[in-house]
Amino acid sequence: LAIVTLAFGEIIRILSRSEVLADFAGGPR
């Protein structure tokens, strides 16, 4: 359970800094 939840947290962080979602969530900026 700890590993899966850790992966979920990393997925959210990587998506938030992704250039793919930059127009939606600001990306790295």
PDB file of all heavy atoms in Angstrom:
ATOM      1  N   LEU A   1       0.833  -1.203   0.000  1.00  0.00           N
ATOM      2  CA  LEU A   1       0.000   0.000   0.000  1.00  0.00           C
ATOM      3  C   LEU A   1       0.867   1.252   0.000  1.00  0.00           C
ATOM      4  O   LEU A   1       0.573   2.231  -0.702  1.00  0.00           O
ATOM      5  CB  LEU A   1      -0.929  -0.008   1.214  1.00  0.00           C
ATOM      6  CG  LEU A   1      -1.820   1.220   1.394  1.00  0.00           C
ATOM      7  CD1 LEU A   1      -2.769   1.367   0.213  1.00  0.00           C
ATOM      8  CD2 LEU A   1      -2.603   1.136   2.706  1.00  0.00           C
ATOM      9  N   ALA A   2       1.952   1.233   0.768  1.00  0.00           N
ATOM     10  CA  ALA A   2       2.844   2.391   0.822  1.00  0.00           C
ATOM     11  C   ALA A   2       3.456   2.679  -0.547  1.00  0.00           C
ATOM     12  O   ALA A   2       3.538   3.834  -0.976  1.00  0.00           O
ATOM     13  CB  ALA A   2       3.949   2.143   1.857  1.00  0.00           C
ATOM     14  N   ILE A   3       3.872   1.628  -1.266  1.00  0.00           N
ATOM     15  CA  ILE A   3       4.491   1.818  -2.580  1.00  0.00           C
ATOM     16  C   ILE A   3       3.485   2.384  -3.580  1.00  0.00           C
ATOM     17  O   ILE A   3       3.789   3.295  -4.361  1.00  0.00           O
ATOM     18  CB  ILE A   3       5.081   0.481  -3.081  1.00  0.00           C
ATOM     19  CG1 ILE A   3       6.267   0.077  -2.197  1.00  0.00           C
ATOM     20  CG2 ILE A   3       5.526   0.598  -4.537  1.00  0.00           C
ATOM     21  CD1 ILE A   3       6.785  -1.312  -2.475  1.00  0.00           C
ATOM     22  N   VAL A   4       2.266   1.864  -3.570  1.00  0.00           N
ATOM     23  CA  VAL A   4       1.259   2.331  -4.517  1.00  0.00           C
ATOM     24  C   VAL A   4       0.898   3.792  -4.246  1.00  0.00           C
ATOM     25  O   VAL A   4       0.783   4.598  -5.185  1.00  0.00           O
ATOM     26  CB  VAL A   4       0.008   1.431  -4.448  1.00  0.00           C
ATOM     27  CG1 VAL A   4      -1.117   2.015  -5.285  1.00  0.00           C
ATOM     28  CG2 VAL A   4       0.349   0.026  -4.932  1.00  0.00           C
ATOM     29  N   THR A   5       0.705   4.149  -2.990  1.00  0.00           N
ATOM     30  CA  THR A   5       0.360   5.542  -2.675  1.00  0.00           C
ATOM     31  C   THR A   5       1.523   6.479  -2.984  1.00  0.00           C
ATOM     32  O   THR A   5       1.313   7.618  -3.423  1.00  0.00           O
ATOM     33  CB  THR A   5      -0.050   5.685  -1.201  1.00  0.00           C
ATOM     34  OG1 THR A   5       0.979   5.132  -0.359  1.00  0.00           O
ATOM     35  CG2 THR A   5      -1.349   4.945  -0.938  1.00  0.00           C
ATOM     36  N   LEU A   6       2.757   6.004  -2.757  1.00  0.00           N
ATOM     37  CA  LEU A   6       3.922   6.814  -3.116  1.00  0.00           C
ATOM     38  C   LEU A   6       3.922   7.094  -4.624  1.00  0.00           C
ATOM     39  O   LEU A   6       4.182   8.219  -5.059  1.00  0.00           O
ATOM     40  CB  LEU A   6       5.200   6.084  -2.704  1.00  0.00           C
ATOM     41  CG  LEU A   6       6.544   6.810  -2.886  1.00  0.00           C
ATOM     42  CD1 LEU A   6       7.543   6.313  -1.848  1.00  0.00           C
ATOM     43  CD2 LEU A   6       7.127   6.580  -4.284  1.00  0.00           C
ATOM     44  N   ALA A   7       3.615   6.050  -5.408  1.00  0.00           N
ATOM     45  CA  ALA A   7       3.568   6.221  -6.858  1.00  0.00           C
ATOM     46  C   ALA A   7       2.480   7.212  -7.263  1.00  0.00           C
ATOM     47  O   ALA A   7       2.670   8.027  -8.181  1.00  0.00           O
ATOM     48  CB  ALA A   7       3.327   4.863  -7.528  1.00  0.00           C
ATOM     49  N   PHE A   8       1.337   7.185  -6.580  1.00  0.00           N
ATOM     50  CA  PHE A   8       0.252   8.129  -6.885  1.00  0.00           C
ATOM     51  C   PHE A   8       0.702   9.563  -6.638  1.00  0.00           C
ATOM     52  O   PHE A   8       0.430  10.466  -7.456  1.00  0.00           O
ATOM     53  CB  PHE A   8      -0.973   7.799  -6.033  1.00  0.00           C
ATOM     54  CG  PHE A   8      -2.104   8.763  -6.198  1.00  0.00           C
ATOM     55  CD1 PHE A   8      -2.839   8.786  -7.372  1.00  0.00           C
ATOM     56  CD2 PHE A   8      -2.432   9.647  -5.191  1.00  0.00           C
ATOM     57  CE1 PHE A   8      -3.883   9.690  -7.535  1.00  0.00           C
ATOM     58  CE2 PHE A   8      -3.475  10.545  -5.333  1.00  0.00           C
ATOM     59  CZ  PHE A   8      -4.201  10.558  -6.521  1.00  0.00           C
ATOM     60  N   GLY A   9       1.398   9.794  -5.530  1.00  0.00           N
ATOM     61  CA  GLY A   9       1.900  11.134  -5.250  1.00  0.00           C
ATOM     62  C   GLY A   9       2.879  11.615  -6.301  1.00  0.00           C
ATOM     63  O   GLY A   9       2.850  12.782  -6.726  1.00  0.00           O
ATOM     64  N   GLU A  10       3.758  10.713  -6.762  1.00  0.00           N
ATOM     65  CA  GLU A  10       4.712  11.082  -7.798  1.00  0.00           C
ATOM     66  C   GLU A  10       4.019  11.338  -9.133  1.00  0.00           C
ATOM     67  O   GLU A  10       4.425  12.211  -9.900  1.00  0.00           O
ATOM     68  CB  GLU A  10       5.768   9.996  -7.937  1.00  0.00           C
ATOM     69  CG  GLU A  10       6.789   9.985  -6.819  1.00  0.00           C
ATOM     70  CD  GLU A  10       7.577  11.289  -6.746  1.00  0.00           C
ATOM     71  OE1 GLU A  10       8.401  11.542  -7.642  1.00  0.00           O
ATOM     72  OE2 GLU A  10       7.324  12.076  -5.811  1.00  0.00           O
ATOM     73  N   ILE A  11       2.981  10.584  -9.433  1.00  0.00           N
ATOM     74  CA  ILE A  11       2.230  10.807 -10.676  1.00  0.00           C
ATOM     75  C   ILE A  11       1.625  12.212 -10.695  1.00  0.00           C
ATOM     76  O   ILE A  11       1.710  12.932 -11.691  1.00  0.00           O
ATOM     77  CB  ILE A  11       1.130   9.736 -10.841  1.00  0.00           C
ATOM     78  CG1 ILE A  11       1.761   8.383 -11.179  1.00  0.00           C
ATOM     79  CG2 ILE A  11       0.141  10.137 -11.925  1.00  0.00           C
ATOM     80  CD1 ILE A  11       0.780   7.235 -11.146  1.00  0.00           C
ATOM     81  N   ILE A  12       1.022  12.613  -9.585  1.00  0.00           N
ATOM     82  CA  ILE A  12       0.422  13.952  -9.510  1.00  0.00           C
ATOM     83  C   ILE A  12       1.490  15.032  -9.680  1.00  0.00           C
ATOM     84  O   ILE A  12       1.296  16.019 -10.401  1.00  0.00           O
ATOM     85  CB  ILE A  12      -0.320  14.127  -8.171  1.00  0.00           C
ATOM     86  CG1 ILE A  12      -1.501  13.157  -8.072  1.00  0.00           C
ATOM     87  CG2 ILE A  12      -0.788  15.563  -8.002  1.00  0.00           C
ATOM     88  CD1 ILE A  12      -2.571  13.376  -9.108  1.00  0.00           C
ATOM     89  N   ARG A  13       2.654  14.840  -9.041  1.00  0.00           N
ATOM     90  CA  ARG A  13       3.716  15.847  -9.151  1.00  0.00           C
ATOM     91  C   ARG A  13       4.247  15.930 -10.580  1.00  0.00           C
ATOM     92  O   ARG A  13       4.453  17.031 -11.113  1.00  0.00           O
ATOM     93  CB  ARG A  13       4.855  15.505  -8.194  1.00  0.00           C
ATOM     94  CG  ARG A  13       5.981  16.531  -8.172  1.00  0.00           C
ATOM     95  CD  ARG A  13       7.109  16.088  -7.269  1.00  0.00           C
ATOM     96  NE  ARG A  13       7.776  14.909  -7.796  1.00  0.00           N
ATOM     97  CZ  ARG A  13       8.734  14.937  -8.718  1.00  0.00           C
ATOM     98  NH1 ARG A  13       9.125  16.098  -9.242  1.00  0.00           N
ATOM     99  NH2 ARG A  13       9.292  13.829  -9.129  1.00  0.00           N
ATOM    100  N   ILE A  14       4.468  14.779 -11.219  1.00  0.00           N
ATOM    101  CA  ILE A  14       5.003  14.772 -12.584  1.00  0.00           C
ATOM    102  C   ILE A  14       3.999  15.381 -13.559  1.00  0.00           C
ATOM    103  O   ILE A  14       4.362  16.139 -14.473  1.00  0.00           O
ATOM    104  CB  ILE A  14       5.380  13.337 -12.988  1.00  0.00           C
ATOM    105  CG1 ILE A  14       6.583  12.869 -12.157  1.00  0.00           C
ATOM    106  CG2 ILE A  14       5.707  13.259 -14.474  1.00  0.00           C
ATOM    107  CD1 ILE A  14       6.906  11.408 -12.324  1.00  0.00           C
ATOM    108  N   LEU A  15       2.714  15.070 -13.376  1.00  0.00           N
ATOM    109  CA  LEU A  15       1.696  15.663 -14.245  1.00  0.00           C
ATOM    110  C   LEU A  15       1.645  17.177 -14.079  1.00  0.00           C
ATOM    111  O   LEU A  15       1.448  17.917 -15.053  1.00  0.00           O
ATOM    112  CB  LEU A  15       0.326  15.055 -13.942  1.00  0.00           C
ATOM    113  CG  LEU A  15       0.088  13.619 -14.422  1.00  0.00           C
ATOM    114  CD1 LEU A  15      -1.276  13.133 -13.958  1.00  0.00           C
ATOM    115  CD2 LEU A  15       0.203  13.527 -15.949  1.00  0.00           C
ATOM    116  N   SER A  16       1.816  17.653 -12.845  1.00  0.00           N
ATOM    117  CA  SER A  16       1.722  19.092 -12.607  1.00  0.00           C
ATOM    118  C   SER A  16       2.870  19.855 -13.268  1.00  0.00           C
ATOM    119  O   SER A  16       2.716  21.038 -13.581  1.00  0.00           O
ATOM    120  CB  SER A  16       1.705  19.378 -11.103  1.00  0.00           C
ATOM    121  OG  SER A  16       2.951  19.036 -10.509  1.00  0.00           O
ATOM    122  N   ARG A  17       4.005  19.218 -13.477  1.00  0.00           N
ATOM    123  CA  ARG A  17       5.135  19.902 -14.097  1.00  0.00           C
ATOM    124  C   ARG A  17       5.306  19.544 -15.568  1.00  0.00           C
ATOM    125  O   ARG A  17       6.256  19.983 -16.211  1.00  0.00           O
ATOM    126  CB  ARG A  17       6.422  19.590 -13.332  1.00  0.00           C
ATOM    127  CG  ARG A  17       6.874  18.156 -13.387  1.00  0.00           C
ATOM    128  CD  ARG A  17       8.148  17.952 -12.591  1.00  0.00           C
ATOM    129  NE  ARG A  17       9.227  18.791 -13.080  1.00  0.00           N
ATOM    130  CZ  ARG A  17      10.423  18.870 -12.506  1.00  0.00           C
ATOM    131  NH1 ARG A  17      10.679  18.165 -11.414  1.00  0.00           N
ATOM    132  NH2 ARG A  17      11.367  19.636 -13.024  1.00  0.00           N
ATOM    133  N   SER A  18       4.392  18.750 -16.098  1.00  0.00           N
ATOM    134  CA  SER A  18       4.492  18.312 -17.481  1.00  0.00           C
ATOM    135  C   SER A  18       4.141  19.451 -18.433  1.00  0.00           C
ATOM    136  O   SER A  18       3.200  20.223 -18.213  1.00  0.00           O
ATOM    137  CB  SER A  18       3.562  17.120 -17.730  1.00  0.00           C
ATOM    138  OG  SER A  18       3.507  16.793 -19.094  1.00  0.00           O
ATOM    139  N   GLU A  19       4.903  19.540 -19.512  1.00  0.00           N
ATOM    140  CA  GLU A  19       4.609  20.539 -20.540  1.00  0.00           C
ATOM    141  C   GLU A  19       3.313  20.224 -21.280  1.00  0.00           C
ATOM    142  O   GLU A  19       2.677  21.105 -21.849  1.00  0.00           O
ATOM    143  CB  GLU A  19       5.768  20.606 -21.545  1.00  0.00           C
ATOM    144  CG  GLU A  19       7.042  21.232 -20.994  1.00  0.00           C
ATOM    145  CD  GLU A  19       6.901  22.729 -20.771  1.00  0.00           C
ATOM    146  OE1 GLU A  19       5.883  23.301 -21.207  1.00  0.00           O
ATOM    147  OE2 GLU A  19       7.810  23.323 -20.167  1.00  0.00           O
ATOM    148  N   VAL A  20       2.918  18.956 -21.243  1.00  0.00           N
ATOM    149  CA  VAL A  20       1.676  18.555 -21.907  1.00  0.00           C
ATOM    150  C   VAL A  20       0.478  19.269 -21.282  1.00  0.00           C
ATOM    151  O   VAL A  20      -0.468  19.668 -21.975  1.00  0.00           O
ATOM    152  CB  VAL A  20       1.497  17.029 -21.848  1.00  0.00           C
ATOM    153  CG1 VAL A  20       0.164  16.608 -22.457  1.00  0.00           C
ATOM    154  CG2 VAL A  20       2.654  16.329 -22.546  1.00  0.00           C
ATOM    155  N   LEU A  21       0.517  19.443 -19.950  1.00  0.00           N
ATOM    156  CA  LEU A  21      -0.587  20.094 -19.233  1.00  0.00           C
ATOM    157  C   LEU A  21      -0.282  21.553 -18.909  1.00  0.00           C
ATOM    158  O   LEU A  21      -0.946  22.142 -18.053  1.00  0.00           O
ATOM    159  CB  LEU A  21      -0.891  19.323 -17.936  1.00  0.00           C
ATOM    160  CG  LEU A  21      -1.380  17.884 -18.106  1.00  0.00           C
ATOM    161  CD1 LEU A  21      -1.597  17.241 -16.743  1.00  0.00           C
ATOM    162  CD2 LEU A  21      -2.656  17.835 -18.924  1.00  0.00           C
ATOM    163  N   ALA A  22       0.722  22.126 -19.577  1.00  0.00           N
ATOM    164  CA  ALA A  22       1.107  23.499 -19.256  1.00  0.00           C
ATOM    165  C   ALA A  22      -0.025  24.480 -19.517  1.00  0.00           C
ATOM    166  O   ALA A  22      -0.232  25.428 -18.758  1.00  0.00           O
ATOM    167  CB  ALA A  22       2.348  23.886 -20.058  1.00  0.00           C
ATOM    168  N   ASP A  23      -0.773  24.275 -20.591  1.00  0.00           N
ATOM    169  CA  ASP A  23      -1.880  25.182 -20.891  1.00  0.00           C
ATOM    170  C   ASP A  23      -3.018  25.050 -19.890  1.00  0.00           C
ATOM    171  O   ASP A  23      -3.795  25.996 -19.698  1.00  0.00           O
ATOM    172  CB  ASP A  23      -2.410  24.909 -22.300  1.00  0.00           C
ATOM    173  CG  ASP A  23      -1.398  25.272 -23.371  1.00  0.00           C
ATOM    174  OD1 ASP A  23      -0.518  26.100 -23.085  1.00  0.00           O
ATOM    175  OD2 ASP A  23      -1.475  24.697 -24.480  1.00  0.00           O
ATOM    176  N   PHE A  24      -3.116  23.888 -19.252  1.00  0.00           N
ATOM    177  CA  PHE A  24      -4.206  23.679 -18.300  1.00  0.00           C
ATOM    178  C   PHE A  24      -3.805  24.043 -16.876  1.00  0.00           C
ATOM    179  O   PHE A  24      -4.577  24.693 -16.158  1.00  0.00           O
ATOM    180  CB  PHE A  24      -4.658  22.221 -18.350  1.00  0.00           C
ATOM    181  CG  PHE A  24      -5.720  21.882 -17.334  1.00  0.00           C
ATOM    182  CD1 PHE A  24      -7.035  22.272 -17.531  1.00  0.00           C
ATOM    183  CD2 PHE A  24      -5.395  21.203 -16.163  1.00  0.00           C
ATOM    184  CE1 PHE A  24      -8.011  21.986 -16.595  1.00  0.00           C
ATOM    185  CE2 PHE A  24      -6.359  20.907 -15.216  1.00  0.00           C
ATOM    186  CZ  PHE A  24      -7.667  21.290 -15.438  1.00  0.00           C
ATOM    187  N   ALA A  25      -2.601  23.610 -16.422  1.00  0.00           N
ATOM    188  CA  ALA A  25      -2.209  23.776 -15.024  1.00  0.00           C
ATOM    189  C   ALA A  25      -0.930  24.584 -14.846  1.00  0.00           C
ATOM    190  O   ALA A  25      -0.370  24.595 -13.749  1.00  0.00           O
ATOM    191  CB  ALA A  25      -2.047  22.403 -14.365  1.00  0.00           C
ATOM    192  N   GLY A  26      -0.460  25.258 -15.879  1.00  0.00           N
ATOM    193  CA  GLY A  26       0.706  26.116 -15.724  1.00  0.00           C
ATOM    194  C   GLY A  26       2.035  25.445 -15.927  1.00  0.00           C
ATOM    195  O   GLY A  26       3.044  26.126 -16.105  1.00  0.00           O
ATOM    196  N   GLY A  27       2.086  24.110 -15.854  1.00  0.00           N
ATOM    197  CA  GLY A  27       3.327  23.385 -16.069  1.00  0.00           C
ATOM    198  C   GLY A  27       4.384  23.737 -15.044  1.00  0.00           C
ATOM    199  O   GLY A  27       4.071  24.056 -13.879  1.00  0.00           O
ATOM    200  N   PRO A  28       5.668  23.703 -15.437  1.00  0.00           N
ATOM    201  CA  PRO A  28       6.748  24.005 -14.475  1.00  0.00           C
ATOM    202  C   PRO A  28       6.687  25.424 -13.921  1.00  0.00           C
ATOM    203  O   PRO A  28       7.224  25.692 -12.848  1.00  0.00           O
ATOM    204  CB  PRO A  28       8.018  23.800 -15.319  1.00  0.00           C
ATOM    205  CG  PRO A  28       7.602  22.951 -16.476  1.00  0.00           C
ATOM    206  CD  PRO A  28       6.172  23.317 -16.746  1.00  0.00           C
ATOM    207  N   ARG A  29       6.079  26.334 -14.640  1.00  0.00           N
ATOM    208  CA  ARG A  29       6.001  27.732 -14.183  1.00  0.00           C
ATOM    209  C   ARG A  29       5.013  27.919 -13.041  1.00  0.00           C
ATOM    210  O   ARG A  29       5.066  28.923 -12.326  1.00  0.00           O
ATOM    211  CB  ARG A  29       5.613  28.651 -15.352  1.00  0.00           C
ATOM    212  CG  ARG A  29       6.595  28.644 -16.508  1.00  0.00           C
ATOM    213  CD  ARG A  29       6.161  29.607 -17.602  1.00  0.00           C
ATOM    214  NE  ARG A  29       4.839  29.248 -18.124  1.00  0.00           N
ATOM    215  CZ  ARG A  29       4.641  28.341 -19.072  1.00  0.00           C
ATOM    216  NH1 ARG A  29       5.666  27.681 -19.588  1.00  0.00           N
ATOM    217  NH2 ARG A  29       3.425  28.077 -19.510  1.00  0.00           N
TER     218      ARG A  29
END
